[in-house]
């Protein structure tokens, strides 16, 4: 492909990179942990689409392979972060038991 030749796939790729990715990255860097997680999910989707558009625009199959792998692994990463985001209960105990003999399950001995 000649260096000055643009097609519709590359125009869509450029528009997505300029208009779509910055708000997603801003959401990842700012806000509550839940908003950051949503930004991470949106960023993974946008990067997947970006790789697929680049594959079509540059006529290179390797980019499509990366896009497919990212489409599979991106949601898995979001699930892992979701697991760690909800890791500790709000009362601060590591196992969710009530500290100090309050209502609920008693704390284990030695703590």
C-alpha atoms as a PDB file:
ATOM      1  CA  UNK A   1       0.000   0.000   0.000  1.00  0.00           C
ATOM      2  CA  UNK A   2       1.462   3.388  -0.954  1.00  0.00           C
ATOM      3  CA  UNK A   3       2.261   5.726   1.910  1.00  0.00           C
ATOM      4  CA  UNK A   4      -0.283   8.417   1.004  1.00  0.00           C
ATOM      5  CA  UNK A   5      -3.234   6.118   0.323  1.00  0.00           C
ATOM      6  CA  UNK A   6      -6.088   6.389   2.870  1.00  0.00           C
ATOM      7  CA  UNK A   7      -9.204   4.268   2.808  1.00  0.00           C
ATOM      8  CA  UNK A   8     -12.426   4.171   4.837  1.00  0.00           C
ATOM      9  CA  UNK A   9     -11.017   1.664   7.325  1.00  0.00           C
ATOM     10  CA  UNK A  10      -8.107   3.944   8.184  1.00  0.00           C
ATOM     11  CA  UNK A  11     -10.378   6.983   8.450  1.00  0.00           C
ATOM     12  CA  UNK A  12     -12.590   5.091  10.903  1.00  0.00           C
ATOM     13  CA  UNK A  13      -9.458   4.023  12.791  1.00  0.00           C
ATOM     14  CA  UNK A  14      -8.260   7.621  13.047  1.00  0.00           C
ATOM     15  CA  UNK A  15     -11.646   8.859  14.204  1.00  0.00           C
ATOM     16  CA  UNK A  16     -11.835   6.144  16.847  1.00  0.00           C
ATOM     17  CA  UNK A  17      -8.354   6.935  18.133  1.00  0.00           C
ATOM     18  CA  UNK A  18      -9.001  10.676  18.289  1.00  0.00           C
ATOM     19  CA  UNK A  19     -12.614  10.727  19.480  1.00  0.00           C
ATOM     20  CA  UNK A  20     -13.128   7.451  21.329  1.00  0.00           C
ATOM     21  CA  UNK A  21      -9.964   6.542  23.164  1.00  0.00           C
ATOM     22  CA  UNK A  22      -9.258   9.783  25.118  1.00  0.00           C
ATOM     23  CA  UNK A  23     -12.589   9.757  27.024  1.00  0.00           C
ATOM     24  CA  UNK A  24     -12.080   6.084  27.865  1.00  0.00           C
ATOM     25  CA  UNK A  25      -8.557   6.731  29.144  1.00  0.00           C
ATOM     26  CA  UNK A  26      -9.821   9.704  31.139  1.00  0.00           C
ATOM     27  CA  UNK A  27     -12.405   7.426  32.780  1.00  0.00           C
ATOM     28  CA  UNK A  28      -9.649   4.954  33.647  1.00  0.00           C
ATOM     29  CA  UNK A  29      -7.517   7.661  35.280  1.00  0.00           C
ATOM     30  CA  UNK A  30     -10.202   9.564  37.192  1.00  0.00           C
ATOM     31  CA  UNK A  31     -13.273   8.828  39.257  1.00  0.00           C
ATOM     32  CA  UNK A  32     -14.476   6.154  41.590  1.00  0.00           C
ATOM     33  CA  UNK A  33     -13.164   2.582  41.341  1.00  0.00           C
ATOM     34  CA  UNK A  34     -16.402   1.524  39.669  1.00  0.00           C
ATOM     35  CA  UNK A  35     -16.083   4.263  37.042  1.00  0.00           C
ATOM     36  CA  UNK A  36     -12.472   3.273  36.463  1.00  0.00           C
ATOM     37  CA  UNK A  37     -13.528  -0.316  35.932  1.00  0.00           C
ATOM     38  CA  UNK A  38     -16.103   0.781  33.374  1.00  0.00           C
ATOM     39  CA  UNK A  39     -13.414   2.853  31.659  1.00  0.00           C
ATOM     40  CA  UNK A  40     -11.115  -0.166  31.578  1.00  0.00           C
ATOM     41  CA  UNK A  41     -13.824  -2.248  29.957  1.00  0.00           C
ATOM     42  CA  UNK A  42     -14.559   0.469  27.401  1.00  0.00           C
ATOM     43  CA  UNK A  43     -10.848   0.903  26.634  1.00  0.00           C
ATOM     44  CA  UNK A  44     -10.439  -2.817  25.993  1.00  0.00           C
ATOM     45  CA  UNK A  45     -13.345  -2.782  23.578  1.00  0.00           C
ATOM     46  CA  UNK A  46     -12.038   0.286  21.749  1.00  0.00           C
ATOM     47  CA  UNK A  47      -8.531  -1.154  21.403  1.00  0.00           C
ATOM     48  CA  UNK A  48      -9.995  -4.393  20.059  1.00  0.00           C
ATOM     49  CA  UNK A  49     -11.974  -2.512  17.416  1.00  0.00           C
ATOM     50  CA  UNK A  50      -8.910  -0.382  16.659  1.00  0.00           C
ATOM     51  CA  UNK A  51      -6.809  -3.472  15.955  1.00  0.00           C
ATOM     52  CA  UNK A  52      -9.504  -4.945  13.727  1.00  0.00           C
ATOM     53  CA  UNK A  53      -9.826  -1.680  11.775  1.00  0.00           C
ATOM     54  CA  UNK A  54      -6.034  -1.490  11.409  1.00  0.00           C
ATOM     55  CA  UNK A  55      -6.027  -5.052  10.112  1.00  0.00           C
ATOM     56  CA  UNK A  56      -8.488  -4.182   7.378  1.00  0.00           C
ATOM     57  CA  UNK A  57      -6.977  -0.778   6.621  1.00  0.00           C
ATOM     58  CA  UNK A  58      -3.387  -1.980   6.271  1.00  0.00           C
ATOM     59  CA  UNK A  59      -4.345  -5.418   4.846  1.00  0.00           C
ATOM     60  CA  UNK A  60      -2.347  -7.230   7.545  1.00  0.00           C
ATOM     61  CA  UNK A  61      -3.845 -10.323   9.143  1.00  0.00           C
ATOM     62  CA  UNK A  62      -1.570 -10.179  12.189  1.00  0.00           C
ATOM     63  CA  UNK A  63      -3.456  -7.222  13.600  1.00  0.00           C
ATOM     64  CA  UNK A  64      -6.718  -9.153  13.382  1.00  0.00           C
ATOM     65  CA  UNK A  65      -5.165 -12.007  15.347  1.00  0.00           C
ATOM     66  CA  UNK A  66      -4.188  -9.585  18.097  1.00  0.00           C
ATOM     67  CA  UNK A  67      -7.681  -8.108  18.070  1.00  0.00           C
ATOM     68  CA  UNK A  68      -9.286 -11.522  18.479  1.00  0.00           C
ATOM     69  CA  UNK A  69      -6.952 -12.434  21.354  1.00  0.00           C
ATOM     70  CA  UNK A  70      -7.686  -9.120  23.057  1.00  0.00           C
ATOM     71  CA  UNK A  71     -11.419  -9.644  22.539  1.00  0.00           C
ATOM     72  CA  UNK A  72     -11.119 -12.919  24.449  1.00  0.00           C
ATOM     73  CA  UNK A  73      -8.726 -11.789  27.195  1.00  0.00           C
ATOM     74  CA  UNK A  74     -10.097  -8.267  27.770  1.00  0.00           C
ATOM     75  CA  UNK A  75     -13.276  -9.300  29.603  1.00  0.00           C
ATOM     76  CA  UNK A  76     -11.278 -11.813  31.645  1.00  0.00           C
ATOM     77  CA  UNK A  77      -9.064  -8.985  32.881  1.00  0.00           C
ATOM     78  CA  UNK A  78     -12.091  -6.909  33.796  1.00  0.00           C
ATOM     79  CA  UNK A  79     -13.483  -9.851  35.776  1.00  0.00           C
ATOM     80  CA  UNK A  80     -10.195 -10.204  37.657  1.00  0.00           C
ATOM     81  CA  UNK A  81     -10.204  -6.504  38.551  1.00  0.00           C
ATOM     82  CA  UNK A  82     -13.851  -6.787  39.595  1.00  0.00           C
ATOM     83  CA  UNK A  83     -12.934  -9.621  41.928  1.00  0.00           C
ATOM     84  CA  UNK A  84     -10.233  -7.538  43.590  1.00  0.00           C
ATOM     85  CA  UNK A  85     -12.443  -4.438  43.670  1.00  0.00           C
ATOM     86  CA  UNK A  86     -14.995  -6.266  45.808  1.00  0.00           C
ATOM     87  CA  UNK A  87     -12.329  -8.050  47.866  1.00  0.00           C
ATOM     88  CA  UNK A  88     -12.690  -6.711  51.405  1.00  0.00           C
ATOM     89  CA  UNK A  89     -16.000  -6.222  53.163  1.00  0.00           C
ATOM     90  CA  UNK A  90     -16.929  -2.745  54.326  1.00  0.00           C
ATOM     91  CA  UNK A  91     -16.191  -3.513  58.012  1.00  0.00           C
ATOM     92  CA  UNK A  92     -12.503  -4.085  57.253  1.00  0.00           C
ATOM     93  CA  UNK A  93     -12.160  -7.697  58.319  1.00  0.00           C
ATOM     94  CA  UNK A  94     -10.379  -9.963  55.891  1.00  0.00           C
ATOM     95  CA  UNK A  95     -12.799 -12.903  56.191  1.00  0.00           C
ATOM     96  CA  UNK A  96     -16.086 -11.053  56.600  1.00  0.00           C
ATOM     97  CA  UNK A  97     -16.684 -12.137  60.192  1.00  0.00           C
ATOM     98  CA  UNK A  98     -17.722  -9.690  62.839  1.00  0.00           C
ATOM     99  CA  UNK A  99     -14.762  -8.548  64.958  1.00  0.00           C
ATOM    100  CA  UNK A 100     -15.053  -8.502  68.738  1.00  0.00           C
ATOM    101  CA  UNK A 101     -18.047 -10.776  69.327  1.00  0.00           C
ATOM    102  CA  UNK A 102     -20.793  -8.561  67.876  1.00  0.00           C
ATOM    103  CA  UNK A 103     -23.849  -9.839  66.079  1.00  0.00           C
ATOM    104  CA  UNK A 104     -23.161 -12.381  63.365  1.00  0.00           C
ATOM    105  CA  UNK A 105     -20.458 -14.971  63.120  1.00  0.00           C
ATOM    106  CA  UNK A 106     -17.860 -14.613  65.885  1.00  0.00           C
ATOM    107  CA  UNK A 107     -14.276 -13.782  64.978  1.00  0.00           C
ATOM    108  CA  UNK A 108     -11.866 -16.698  65.127  1.00  0.00           C
ATOM    109  CA  UNK A 109      -9.741 -17.134  68.249  1.00  0.00           C
ATOM    110  CA  UNK A 110      -6.347 -15.458  68.224  1.00  0.00           C
ATOM    111  CA  UNK A 111      -7.360 -12.362  66.328  1.00  0.00           C
END
